Amino acid sequence: MFAYVLRRASGRLIGAEFSLAYILSAGVKHICLVGHNDCGMTKVEENKQRMINALIEQGWYPDRAAEFINTQAGMHQMKDELDGLEWEYKRLRRLFRNVVIAPLFVDLSNTQLYIPNWYFEHRDKHSFERDPNEVADEDILQMTYMQLMAVSTILK
């Protein structure tokens, strides 16, 4: 049949929710979220200056390069790959409640695919219900979109 692949730094779909909405409109009902060990996003802090320098070499202004890397790092870096996978799994479960999400983890040393232990502890869908007093994820997504539109308008 077919499959859609969304590959993102850190395995997080932050910023790709529109793409996910598109594939859901095509009838997709199951998502496989795959993380792995030895992820480069656990090494962002030690590589920030090299990343900034790479953008400067591409013609970016130094202050804009630093701002971009620092902003993006906050969305993608992680301390632990399994914790990062769990965080994104929970976030996606809250945003897309009627999709089956399978969190998988690849151990690159032996190329084995695992289901994380935390999944079995939390697979009851009610464990991901949001507190009605907190800001909804959909609202946060919309605020982010509006902020991006404001910035793009200023830069034009």
Protein backbone atom coordinates (compact mmCIF):
# COMPACT_ATOMS: atom_id res chain seq x y z
CA MET A 1 0.00 0.00 0.00
CA PHE A 2 1.69 3.24 1.10
CA ALA A 3 3.39 5.00 3.97
CA TYR A 4 4.26 8.59 4.77
CA VAL A 5 7.61 9.35 6.39
CA LEU A 6 8.23 12.49 8.41
CA ARG A 7 11.84 12.51 9.53
CA ARG A 8 12.75 15.20 12.02
CA ALA A 9 15.67 16.12 14.25
CA SER A 10 15.05 14.69 17.73
CA GLY A 11 12.11 12.65 16.43
CA ARG A 12 9.82 15.49 17.45
CA LEU A 13 7.14 16.62 15.05
CA ILE A 14 7.13 20.18 16.40
CA GLY A 15 6.49 22.36 13.37
CA ALA A 16 5.27 19.43 11.28
CA GLU A 17 1.76 19.18 12.73
CA PHE A 18 0.29 20.52 9.48
CA SER A 19 1.98 17.69 7.57
CA LEU A 20 0.57 15.24 10.08
CA ALA A 21 -2.91 16.72 9.61
CA TYR A 22 -2.51 16.18 5.87
CA ILE A 23 -1.65 12.51 6.21
CA LEU A 24 -4.51 12.05 8.67
CA SER A 25 -6.84 13.49 6.02
CA ALA A 26 -5.59 10.77 3.68
CA GLY A 27 -6.94 8.17 6.08
CA VAL A 28 -3.88 7.37 8.18
CA LYS A 29 -4.94 6.02 11.57
CA HIS A 30 -1.63 4.63 12.85
CA ILE A 31 1.67 6.38 13.50
CA CYS A 32 4.98 4.82 14.37
CA LEU A 33 7.22 7.19 16.33
CA VAL A 34 10.81 5.91 16.18
CA GLY A 35 13.65 7.10 18.39
CA HIS A 36 17.20 5.80 18.69
CA ASN A 37 20.20 5.90 20.97
CA ASP A 38 23.32 7.99 20.30
CA CYS A 39 21.08 10.77 18.98
CA GLY A 40 22.84 13.93 17.85
CA MET A 41 20.19 16.00 19.61
CA THR A 42 21.72 14.93 22.94
CA LYS A 43 24.92 16.67 21.83
CA VAL A 44 23.48 20.04 20.78
CA GLU A 45 25.04 22.05 23.60
CA GLU A 46 28.54 20.90 22.73
CA ASN A 47 27.95 21.55 19.02
CA LYS A 48 26.10 24.88 19.16
CA GLN A 49 29.05 27.03 18.14
CA ARG A 50 29.88 24.73 15.21
CA MET A 51 26.26 24.93 14.09
CA ILE A 52 26.28 28.73 14.35
CA ASN A 53 29.55 28.86 12.42
CA ALA A 54 28.07 26.63 9.71
CA LEU A 55 25.23 29.10 9.20
CA ILE A 56 27.63 32.05 9.18
CA GLU A 57 29.62 30.27 6.46
CA GLN A 58 26.35 30.10 4.50
CA GLY A 59 26.05 33.89 4.64
CA TRP A 60 23.96 34.33 7.78
CA TYR A 61 24.56 37.31 10.04
CA PRO A 62 26.26 36.06 13.24
CA ASP A 63 23.54 37.37 15.57
CA ARG A 64 20.75 35.83 13.46
CA ALA A 65 22.62 32.52 13.26
CA ALA A 66 23.06 32.42 17.04
CA GLU A 67 19.43 33.37 17.65
CA PHE A 68 18.18 30.69 15.25
CA ILE A 69 20.31 27.92 16.74
CA ASN A 70 19.44 28.88 20.31
CA THR A 71 15.71 29.03 19.53
CA GLN A 72 15.66 25.76 17.61
CA ALA A 73 17.86 24.00 20.17
CA GLY A 74 15.19 24.58 22.78
CA MET A 75 12.69 22.63 20.68
CA HIS A 76 14.94 19.79 19.58
CA GLN A 77 17.71 19.10 22.07
CA MET A 78 17.25 16.45 24.72
CA LYS A 79 19.22 14.93 27.56
CA ASP A 80 17.99 11.37 27.08
CA GLU A 81 16.61 9.71 23.96
CA LEU A 82 14.04 7.53 25.73
CA ASP A 83 12.75 10.50 27.73
CA GLY A 84 12.55 12.52 24.51
CA LEU A 85 10.57 9.76 22.82
CA GLU A 86 8.18 9.59 25.76
CA TRP A 87 7.71 13.38 25.80
CA GLU A 88 6.82 13.47 22.10
CA TYR A 89 4.58 10.42 22.39
CA LYS A 90 2.57 12.10 25.16
CA ARG A 91 2.41 15.40 23.26
CA LEU A 92 1.15 13.71 20.09
CA ARG A 93 -1.38 11.65 22.04
CA ARG A 94 -2.83 14.88 23.41
CA LEU A 95 -2.99 16.55 20.00
CA PHE A 96 -4.20 13.56 17.99
CA ARG A 97 -6.38 11.54 20.34
CA ASN A 98 -7.90 9.14 17.81
CA VAL A 99 -4.68 7.94 16.21
CA VAL A 100 -2.87 4.83 17.35
CA ILE A 101 0.74 5.80 18.09
CA ALA A 102 3.38 3.11 18.42
CA PRO A 103 6.54 4.38 20.13
CA LEU A 104 9.55 2.35 19.08
CA PHE A 105 13.22 2.61 19.98
CA VAL A 106 16.15 1.41 17.87
CA ASP A 107 19.34 0.37 19.63
CA LEU A 108 21.97 1.25 17.05
CA SER A 109 24.56 -1.05 18.60
CA ASN A 110 22.55 -4.18 17.80
CA THR A 111 19.95 -2.77 15.33
CA GLN A 112 17.14 -4.20 17.47
CA LEU A 113 13.78 -2.47 17.68
CA TYR A 114 12.17 -2.15 21.14
CA ILE A 115 8.94 -0.96 22.69
CA PRO A 116 9.93 1.25 25.68
CA ASN A 117 8.94 0.01 29.14
CA TRP A 118 7.20 3.32 29.92
CA TYR A 119 4.69 2.60 27.16
CA PHE A 120 3.32 -0.40 29.03
CA GLU A 121 3.04 1.65 32.21
CA HIS A 122 1.05 4.47 30.53
CA ARG A 123 -0.81 2.95 27.61
CA ASP A 124 -4.21 3.65 29.16
CA LYS A 125 -5.33 6.59 27.03
CA HIS A 126 -6.78 8.36 30.07
CA SER A 127 -3.30 8.77 31.53
CA PHE A 128 -2.72 11.48 28.90
CA GLU A 129 -5.81 13.56 29.54
CA ARG A 130 -4.97 17.21 29.96
CA ASP A 131 -5.93 19.32 32.91
CA PRO A 132 -8.86 21.56 31.82
CA ASN A 133 -7.11 24.53 33.49
CA GLU A 134 -3.97 24.35 31.35
CA VAL A 135 -3.48 25.87 27.91
CA ALA A 136 -4.53 23.46 25.18
CA ASP A 137 -1.87 22.18 22.82
CA GLU A 138 -3.96 23.34 19.87
CA ASP A 139 -3.92 26.86 21.29
CA ILE A 140 -0.15 26.78 21.74
CA LEU A 141 0.22 25.65 18.12
CA GLN A 142 -1.98 28.51 16.96
CA MET A 143 -0.07 31.06 19.04
CA THR A 144 3.19 29.82 17.57
CA TYR A 145 1.78 30.13 14.06
CA MET A 146 0.61 33.68 14.73
CA GLN A 147 4.01 34.62 16.14
CA LEU A 148 5.73 33.20 13.04
CA MET A 149 3.39 35.17 10.79
CA ALA A 150 4.15 38.37 12.72
CA VAL A 151 7.90 37.81 12.37
CA SER A 152 7.65 37.02 8.65
CA THR A 153 5.61 40.21 8.13
CA ILE A 154 8.28 42.26 9.89
CA LEU A 155 11.07 40.68 7.81
CA LYS A 156 9.35 41.33 4.45
